[in-house]
Amino acid sequence: MKTAAQTTFPERVGRTLGRLWRGCVRLDRRAMQGLVAKGWKPGVAKGVMLIVKIAAFAVLLYAAFWMALLLLCIVVVARMAWQHDSDDDADFLGRKVEERDHREGLFYHSAMHDDDPDPRFKDD
């Protein structure tokens, strides 16, 4: 029989995030107390801390916007690189790549091959 209960992964993540949050709150309190200790009024120190938090959040949003835009550009370029149409394999007559090689030759004439009619050669 186990004496200690095992903690699950979500519990550990929750505890870690809770410790991080408490650490941030502790740093915020220390910064505000430091400003008050330097002679700032508590209301002014609170306002300055709020402005600093809003500025930090704005910088994070700015960075996230540009990262998302960069990711979007990468996805668009990758999609353009992977885009493959089967119509690209055919020429203006709808012939496939395998059929094109002998028709593009210098000495090609449709009468010498059993091919579909070629518009370059009228009834000779």
C-alpha atoms as a PDB file:
ATOM      1  CA  MET A   1       0.000   0.000   0.000  1.00  0.00           C
ATOM      2  CA  LYS A   2       1.299   3.424  -0.933  1.00  0.00           C
ATOM      3  CA  THR A   3       1.657   5.890   1.868  1.00  0.00           C
ATOM      4  CA  ALA A   4       2.119   8.997  -0.294  1.00  0.00           C
ATOM      5  CA  ALA A   5      -0.368  10.016  -2.963  1.00  0.00           C
ATOM      6  CA  GLN A   6       1.137  10.616  -6.383  1.00  0.00           C
ATOM      7  CA  THR A   7       0.661  14.041  -7.850  1.00  0.00           C
ATOM      8  CA  THR A   8      -0.537  14.245 -11.423  1.00  0.00           C
ATOM      9  CA  PHE A   9       1.006  16.360 -14.144  1.00  0.00           C
ATOM     10  CA  PRO A  10      -1.783  19.000 -14.082  1.00  0.00           C
ATOM     11  CA  GLU A  11      -1.320  19.334 -10.316  1.00  0.00           C
ATOM     12  CA  ARG A  12       2.405  19.935 -10.721  1.00  0.00           C
ATOM     13  CA  VAL A  13       1.814  22.476 -13.484  1.00  0.00           C
ATOM     14  CA  GLY A  14      -0.774  24.252 -11.323  1.00  0.00           C
ATOM     15  CA  ARG A  15       1.569  24.372  -8.345  1.00  0.00           C
ATOM     16  CA  THR A  16       4.410  25.684 -10.505  1.00  0.00           C
ATOM     17  CA  LEU A  17       2.214  28.392 -12.003  1.00  0.00           C
ATOM     18  CA  GLY A  18       0.986  29.301  -8.509  1.00  0.00           C
ATOM     19  CA  ARG A  19       4.565  29.673  -7.270  1.00  0.00           C
ATOM     20  CA  LEU A  20       5.403  31.850 -10.276  1.00  0.00           C
ATOM     21  CA  TRP A  21       2.371  34.052  -9.608  1.00  0.00           C
ATOM     22  CA  ARG A  22       3.233  34.412  -5.933  1.00  0.00           C
ATOM     23  CA  GLY A  23       6.795  35.330  -6.912  1.00  0.00           C
ATOM     24  CA  CYS A  24       5.531  38.044  -9.266  1.00  0.00           C
ATOM     25  CA  VAL A  25       3.223  39.440  -6.580  1.00  0.00           C
ATOM     26  CA  ARG A  26       6.118  39.423  -4.096  1.00  0.00           C
ATOM     27  CA  LEU A  27       8.346  41.342  -6.542  1.00  0.00           C
ATOM     28  CA  ASP A  28       5.544  43.835  -7.168  1.00  0.00           C
ATOM     29  CA  ARG A  29       5.124  44.440  -3.452  1.00  0.00           C
ATOM     30  CA  ARG A  30       8.874  44.831  -2.943  1.00  0.00           C
ATOM     31  CA  ALA A  31       9.086  47.347  -5.819  1.00  0.00           C
ATOM     32  CA  MET A  32       6.171  49.351  -4.433  1.00  0.00           C
ATOM     33  CA  GLN A  33       7.651  49.303  -0.929  1.00  0.00           C
ATOM     34  CA  GLY A  34      10.974  50.426  -2.345  1.00  0.00           C
ATOM     35  CA  LEU A  35       9.318  53.410  -4.050  1.00  0.00           C
ATOM     36  CA  VAL A  36       7.451  54.310  -0.859  1.00  0.00           C
ATOM     37  CA  ALA A  37      10.700  53.982   1.120  1.00  0.00           C
ATOM     38  CA  LYS A  38      12.310  56.510  -1.262  1.00  0.00           C
ATOM     39  CA  GLY A  39       9.653  59.036  -0.305  1.00  0.00           C
ATOM     40  CA  TRP A  40       6.993  58.520  -2.970  1.00  0.00           C
ATOM     41  CA  LYS A  41       3.377  58.688  -1.897  1.00  0.00           C
ATOM     42  CA  PRO A  42       1.648  55.262  -1.911  1.00  0.00           C
ATOM     43  CA  GLY A  43      -0.934  56.408  -4.503  1.00  0.00           C
ATOM     44  CA  VAL A  44       1.763  57.683  -6.848  1.00  0.00           C
ATOM     45  CA  ALA A  45       3.815  54.500  -6.409  1.00  0.00           C
ATOM     46  CA  LYS A  46       0.738  52.406  -7.197  1.00  0.00           C
ATOM     47  CA  GLY A  47       0.050  54.490 -10.324  1.00  0.00           C
ATOM     48  CA  VAL A  48       3.643  54.196 -11.520  1.00  0.00           C
ATOM     49  CA  MET A  49       3.573  50.446 -11.001  1.00  0.00           C
ATOM     50  CA  LEU A  50       0.329  50.236 -12.984  1.00  0.00           C
ATOM     51  CA  ILE A  51       1.861  52.245 -15.830  1.00  0.00           C
ATOM     52  CA  VAL A  52       4.925  49.968 -15.810  1.00  0.00           C
ATOM     53  CA  LYS A  53       2.684  46.885 -15.965  1.00  0.00           C
ATOM     54  CA  ILE A  54       0.647  48.317 -18.839  1.00  0.00           C
ATOM     55  CA  ALA A  55       3.824  49.255 -20.733  1.00  0.00           C
ATOM     56  CA  ALA A  56       5.256  45.759 -20.241  1.00  0.00           C
ATOM     57  CA  PHE A  57       1.987  44.223 -21.444  1.00  0.00           C
ATOM     58  CA  ALA A  58       1.998  46.511 -24.507  1.00  0.00           C
ATOM     59  CA  VAL A  59       5.561  45.460 -25.347  1.00  0.00           C
ATOM     60  CA  LEU A  60       4.563  41.797 -25.056  1.00  0.00           C
ATOM     61  CA  LEU A  61       1.546  42.348 -27.312  1.00  0.00           C
ATOM     62  CA  TYR A  62       3.734  44.155 -29.843  1.00  0.00           C
ATOM     63  CA  ALA A  63       6.238  41.311 -29.895  1.00  0.00           C
ATOM     64  CA  ALA A  64       3.454  38.718 -30.133  1.00  0.00           C
ATOM     65  CA  PHE A  65       1.906  40.577 -33.076  1.00  0.00           C
ATOM     66  CA  TRP A  66       5.148  40.593 -35.047  1.00  0.00           C
ATOM     67  CA  MET A  67       5.878  36.970 -34.198  1.00  0.00           C
ATOM     68  CA  ALA A  68       2.383  35.990 -35.384  1.00  0.00           C
ATOM     69  CA  LEU A  69       2.862  38.010 -38.569  1.00  0.00           C
ATOM     70  CA  LEU A  70       6.222  36.341 -39.187  1.00  0.00           C
ATOM     71  CA  LEU A  71       4.666  32.914 -38.618  1.00  0.00           C
ATOM     72  CA  LEU A  72       1.836  33.774 -41.006  1.00  0.00           C
ATOM     73  CA  CYS A  73       4.325  34.801 -43.693  1.00  0.00           C
ATOM     74  CA  ILE A  74       6.264  31.569 -43.220  1.00  0.00           C
ATOM     75  CA  VAL A  75       3.064  29.523 -43.528  1.00  0.00           C
ATOM     76  CA  VAL A  76       2.009  31.392 -46.676  1.00  0.00           C
ATOM     77  CA  VAL A  77       5.418  30.936 -48.299  1.00  0.00           C
ATOM     78  CA  ALA A  78       5.480  27.246 -47.363  1.00  0.00           C
ATOM     79  CA  ARG A  79       1.988  26.759 -48.750  1.00  0.00           C
ATOM     80  CA  MET A  80       2.962  28.480 -51.988  1.00  0.00           C
ATOM     81  CA  ALA A  81       5.999  26.224 -52.237  1.00  0.00           C
ATOM     82  CA  TRP A  82       3.911  23.086 -51.688  1.00  0.00           C
ATOM     83  CA  GLN A  83       1.092  24.141 -53.994  1.00  0.00           C
ATOM     84  CA  HIS A  84       1.122  21.831 -56.977  1.00  0.00           C
ATOM     85  CA  ASP A  85      -1.484  21.904 -59.709  1.00  0.00           C
ATOM     86  CA  SER A  86      -1.827  18.955 -62.045  1.00  0.00           C
ATOM     87  CA  ASP A  87      -2.707  21.425 -64.812  1.00  0.00           C
ATOM     88  CA  ASP A  88       0.891  22.647 -64.815  1.00  0.00           C
ATOM     89  CA  ASP A  89       1.954  19.334 -66.313  1.00  0.00           C
ATOM     90  CA  ALA A  90      -0.109  19.879 -69.434  1.00  0.00           C
ATOM     91  CA  ASP A  91       0.602  22.293 -72.280  1.00  0.00           C
ATOM     92  CA  PHE A  92      -1.972  24.409 -74.152  1.00  0.00           C
ATOM     93  CA  LEU A  93      -3.354  21.333 -75.951  1.00  0.00           C
ATOM     94  CA  GLY A  94      -3.696  19.356 -72.741  1.00  0.00           C
ATOM     95  CA  ARG A  95      -0.822  17.002 -73.547  1.00  0.00           C
ATOM     96  CA  LYS A  96       1.148  15.485 -70.732  1.00  0.00           C
ATOM     97  CA  VAL A  97       4.911  15.717 -70.187  1.00  0.00           C
ATOM     98  CA  GLU A  98       5.550  12.283 -71.689  1.00  0.00           C
ATOM     99  CA  GLU A  99       3.863  13.289 -74.936  1.00  0.00           C
ATOM    100  CA  ARG A 100       5.563  16.665 -75.253  1.00  0.00           C
ATOM    101  CA  ASP A 101       9.141  15.622 -75.865  1.00  0.00           C
ATOM    102  CA  HIS A 102       8.846  14.410 -79.478  1.00  0.00           C
ATOM    103  CA  ARG A 103       6.454  17.215 -80.438  1.00  0.00           C
ATOM    104  CA  GLU A 104       8.912  19.919 -79.375  1.00  0.00           C
ATOM    105  CA  GLY A 105      11.679  18.607 -81.618  1.00  0.00           C
ATOM    106  CA  LEU A 106      13.026  20.610 -84.537  1.00  0.00           C
ATOM    107  CA  PHE A 107      12.075  18.039 -87.186  1.00  0.00           C
ATOM    108  CA  TYR A 108       8.631  17.165 -85.841  1.00  0.00           C
ATOM    109  CA  HIS A 109       5.682  16.908 -88.213  1.00  0.00           C
ATOM    110  CA  SER A 110       2.314  15.482 -87.243  1.00  0.00           C
ATOM    111  CA  ALA A 111       2.133  13.361 -90.394  1.00  0.00           C
ATOM    112  CA  MET A 112       5.173  11.367 -89.251  1.00  0.00           C
ATOM    113  CA  HIS A 113       3.576  10.382 -85.923  1.00  0.00           C
ATOM    114  CA  ASP A 114       0.254   8.874 -84.994  1.00  0.00           C
ATOM    115  CA  ASP A 115      -0.724  11.813 -82.784  1.00  0.00           C
ATOM    116  CA  ASP A 116      -3.740  14.005 -82.272  1.00  0.00           C
ATOM    117  CA  PRO A 117      -4.062  16.842 -84.775  1.00  0.00           C
ATOM    118  CA  ASP A 118      -1.604  19.635 -84.119  1.00  0.00           C
ATOM    119  CA  PRO A 119      -2.886  23.195 -84.724  1.00  0.00           C
ATOM    120  CA  ARG A 120       0.559  24.250 -85.931  1.00  0.00           C
ATOM    121  CA  PHE A 121       0.101  22.101 -89.037  1.00  0.00           C
ATOM    122  CA  LYS A 122      -3.009  22.681 -91.122  1.00  0.00           C
ATOM    123  CA  ASP A 123      -4.128  20.079 -93.626  1.00  0.00           C
ATOM    124  CA  ASP A 124      -1.055  19.739 -95.818  1.00  0.00           C
END
